[in-house]
Amino acid sequence: MPVKMKIRKGDRVTVIAGRDKGRSGDVVKVLPKDNRVIVSGINVARRHQRQSAGQEGGIVSKELPIAISNLALLDPKDNKPTRVGYKVLEDGRKVRVAKRSGEVIDG
């Protein structure tokens, strides 16, 4: 069952659990139905690719989706993992806020 995704495409995240724990990267794609995201340079698998008319054969590295529960957003102020909250500004816009520093995440 999909839940509200607090991590969006383009966000800088760090891995807090699993094989790539401690590494960070940017979110490339969000898969809300599966509660997963694809992060650049994280959860990379090597696949043997057969040669076809449009593609060369060989061993190809591919980024696989990672569960959103294993990621934490990096605080824009000090680049440390933080949780995400929401806040309504005076002009009526609803923005994401880093719980760690109170900094607004989306401008």
C-alpha atoms as a PDB file:
ATOM      1  CA  MET A   1       0.000   0.000   0.000  1.00  0.00           C
ATOM      2  CA  PRO A   2       1.552   3.327  -1.079  1.00  0.00           C
ATOM      3  CA  VAL A   3       2.091   6.009   1.543  1.00  0.00           C
ATOM      4  CA  LYS A   4       2.914   9.728   1.323  1.00  0.00           C
ATOM      5  CA  MET A   5       6.424   9.992  -0.126  1.00  0.00           C
ATOM      6  CA  LYS A   6       8.496  12.522   1.782  1.00  0.00           C
ATOM      7  CA  ILE A   7      11.472  11.974  -0.520  1.00  0.00           C
ATOM      8  CA  ARG A   8      11.304  13.400  -4.031  1.00  0.00           C
ATOM      9  CA  LYS A   9      13.305  13.247  -7.250  1.00  0.00           C
ATOM     10  CA  GLY A  10      16.485  15.308  -6.987  1.00  0.00           C
ATOM     11  CA  ASP A  11      16.766  15.052  -3.173  1.00  0.00           C
ATOM     12  CA  ARG A  12      20.125  14.207  -1.597  1.00  0.00           C
ATOM     13  CA  VAL A  13      19.724  11.093   0.602  1.00  0.00           C
ATOM     14  CA  THR A  14      21.906   8.781   2.665  1.00  0.00           C
ATOM     15  CA  VAL A  15      21.489   5.042   3.227  1.00  0.00           C
ATOM     16  CA  ILE A  16      20.821   4.166   6.888  1.00  0.00           C
ATOM     17  CA  ALA A  17      20.450   0.372   6.540  1.00  0.00           C
ATOM     18  CA  GLY A  18      21.654  -2.389   4.262  1.00  0.00           C
ATOM     19  CA  ARG A  19      24.709  -3.168   2.173  1.00  0.00           C
ATOM     20  CA  ASP A  20      25.356   0.465   1.170  1.00  0.00           C
ATOM     21  CA  LYS A  21      24.913   1.914   4.686  1.00  0.00           C
ATOM     22  CA  GLY A  22      26.640   5.276   5.074  1.00  0.00           C
ATOM     23  CA  ARG A  23      26.767   6.091   1.356  1.00  0.00           C
ATOM     24  CA  SER A  24      24.801   8.960  -0.155  1.00  0.00           C
ATOM     25  CA  GLY A  25      23.491   9.993  -3.562  1.00  0.00           C
ATOM     26  CA  ASP A  26      20.763  11.848  -5.431  1.00  0.00           C
ATOM     27  CA  VAL A  27      17.302  10.405  -6.057  1.00  0.00           C
ATOM     28  CA  VAL A  28      16.930   9.617  -9.773  1.00  0.00           C
ATOM     29  CA  LYS A  29      13.425   8.112  -9.796  1.00  0.00           C
ATOM     30  CA  VAL A  30      10.608   7.591  -7.273  1.00  0.00           C
ATOM     31  CA  LEU A  31       8.389   4.482  -7.369  1.00  0.00           C
ATOM     32  CA  PRO A  32       5.479   5.333  -5.018  1.00  0.00           C
ATOM     33  CA  LYS A  33       3.487   2.130  -5.671  1.00  0.00           C
ATOM     34  CA  ASP A  34       6.386   0.026  -4.367  1.00  0.00           C
ATOM     35  CA  ASN A  35       7.615   2.499  -1.672  1.00  0.00           C
ATOM     36  CA  ARG A  36      11.022   2.429  -3.352  1.00  0.00           C
ATOM     37  CA  VAL A  37      13.385   4.905  -5.005  1.00  0.00           C
ATOM     38  CA  ILE A  38      16.356   4.664  -7.347  1.00  0.00           C
ATOM     39  CA  VAL A  39      19.434   6.514  -6.056  1.00  0.00           C
ATOM     40  CA  SER A  40      22.474   7.271  -8.219  1.00  0.00           C
ATOM     41  CA  GLY A  41      25.436   5.065  -7.328  1.00  0.00           C
ATOM     42  CA  ILE A  42      23.546   3.103  -4.647  1.00  0.00           C
ATOM     43  CA  ASN A  43      22.380  -0.548  -4.815  1.00  0.00           C
ATOM     44  CA  VAL A  44      24.257  -1.179  -8.064  1.00  0.00           C
ATOM     45  CA  ALA A  45      24.042  -4.680  -9.560  1.00  0.00           C
ATOM     46  CA  ARG A  46      26.086  -6.057 -12.442  1.00  0.00           C
ATOM     47  CA  ARG A  47      24.107  -7.804 -15.146  1.00  0.00           C
ATOM     48  CA  HIS A  48      25.263  -9.883 -18.105  1.00  0.00           C
ATOM     49  CA  GLN A  49      23.710  -8.296 -21.187  1.00  0.00           C
ATOM     50  CA  ARG A  50      23.245 -10.249 -24.395  1.00  0.00           C
ATOM     51  CA  GLN A  51      24.149  -8.389 -27.579  1.00  0.00           C
ATOM     52  CA  SER A  52      21.247  -7.148 -29.679  1.00  0.00           C
ATOM     53  CA  ALA A  53      20.834  -4.945 -32.753  1.00  0.00           C
ATOM     54  CA  GLY A  54      20.644  -1.733 -30.737  1.00  0.00           C
ATOM     55  CA  GLN A  55      22.826  -2.647 -27.759  1.00  0.00           C
ATOM     56  CA  GLU A  56      26.291  -4.014 -27.217  1.00  0.00           C
ATOM     57  CA  GLY A  57      26.764  -7.119 -25.091  1.00  0.00           C
ATOM     58  CA  GLY A  58      28.852  -7.442 -21.944  1.00  0.00           C
ATOM     59  CA  ILE A  59      28.570  -6.807 -18.223  1.00  0.00           C
ATOM     60  CA  VAL A  60      26.408  -3.758 -17.435  1.00  0.00           C
ATOM     61  CA  SER A  61      26.059  -1.977 -14.072  1.00  0.00           C
ATOM     62  CA  LYS A  62      22.470  -1.088 -13.201  1.00  0.00           C
ATOM     63  CA  GLU A  63      21.011   0.841 -10.257  1.00  0.00           C
ATOM     64  CA  LEU A  64      18.199  -1.104  -8.600  1.00  0.00           C
ATOM     65  CA  PRO A  65      15.402   0.340  -6.445  1.00  0.00           C
ATOM     66  CA  ILE A  66      15.993   0.609  -2.689  1.00  0.00           C
ATOM     67  CA  ALA A  67      13.297   0.668   0.003  1.00  0.00           C
ATOM     68  CA  ILE A  68      12.425   4.162   1.175  1.00  0.00           C
ATOM     69  CA  SER A  69      12.621   3.014   4.815  1.00  0.00           C
ATOM     70  CA  ASN A  70      16.371   2.445   4.355  1.00  0.00           C
ATOM     71  CA  LEU A  71      16.986   6.074   3.357  1.00  0.00           C
ATOM     72  CA  ALA A  72      17.167   9.384   5.207  1.00  0.00           C
ATOM     73  CA  LEU A  73      17.077  12.832   3.660  1.00  0.00           C
ATOM     74  CA  LEU A  74      20.206  14.935   4.195  1.00  0.00           C
ATOM     75  CA  ASP A  75      19.695  18.229   6.022  1.00  0.00           C
ATOM     76  CA  PRO A  76      20.492  21.136   3.653  1.00  0.00           C
ATOM     77  CA  LYS A  77      22.190  23.016   6.518  1.00  0.00           C
ATOM     78  CA  ASP A  78      24.760  20.480   7.795  1.00  0.00           C
ATOM     79  CA  ASN A  79      24.457  17.417   5.460  1.00  0.00           C
ATOM     80  CA  LYS A  80      23.415  15.041   8.252  1.00  0.00           C
ATOM     81  CA  PRO A  81      20.432  12.639   8.133  1.00  0.00           C
ATOM     82  CA  THR A  82      17.131  14.169   9.158  1.00  0.00           C
ATOM     83  CA  ARG A  83      13.442  13.374   9.255  1.00  0.00           C
ATOM     84  CA  VAL A  84      10.978  15.392   7.205  1.00  0.00           C
ATOM     85  CA  GLY A  85       8.043  17.463   8.413  1.00  0.00           C
ATOM     86  CA  TYR A  86       5.637  19.866   6.760  1.00  0.00           C
ATOM     87  CA  LYS A  87       4.924  23.525   7.432  1.00  0.00           C
ATOM     88  CA  VAL A  88       2.487  26.013   5.911  1.00  0.00           C
ATOM     89  CA  LEU A  89       4.121  29.367   5.173  1.00  0.00           C
ATOM     90  CA  GLU A  90       2.467  32.792   5.559  1.00  0.00           C
ATOM     91  CA  ASP A  91       1.721  32.929   1.828  1.00  0.00           C
ATOM     92  CA  GLY A  92      -0.202  29.635   2.061  1.00  0.00           C
ATOM     93  CA  ARG A  93       2.409  27.342   0.500  1.00  0.00           C
ATOM     94  CA  LYS A  94       2.989  23.928   2.124  1.00  0.00           C
ATOM     95  CA  VAL A  95       6.712  23.105   2.225  1.00  0.00           C
ATOM     96  CA  ARG A  96       8.892  20.299   3.529  1.00  0.00           C
ATOM     97  CA  VAL A  97      10.996  21.111   6.578  1.00  0.00           C
ATOM     98  CA  ALA A  98      14.038  19.317   8.037  1.00  0.00           C
ATOM     99  CA  LYS A  99      13.213  18.243  11.603  1.00  0.00           C
ATOM    100  CA  ARG A 100      16.889  18.481  12.602  1.00  0.00           C
ATOM    101  CA  SER A 101      17.443  22.174  11.833  1.00  0.00           C
ATOM    102  CA  GLY A 102      14.029  23.543  10.884  1.00  0.00           C
ATOM    103  CA  GLU A 103      15.426  24.517   7.467  1.00  0.00           C
ATOM    104  CA  VAL A 104      12.975  24.628   4.519  1.00  0.00           C
ATOM    105  CA  ILE A 105      13.880  21.888   2.010  1.00  0.00           C
ATOM    106  CA  ASP A 106      11.986  23.030  -1.105  1.00  0.00           C
ATOM    107  CA  GLY A 107      12.247  26.683  -2.001  1.00  0.00           C
END
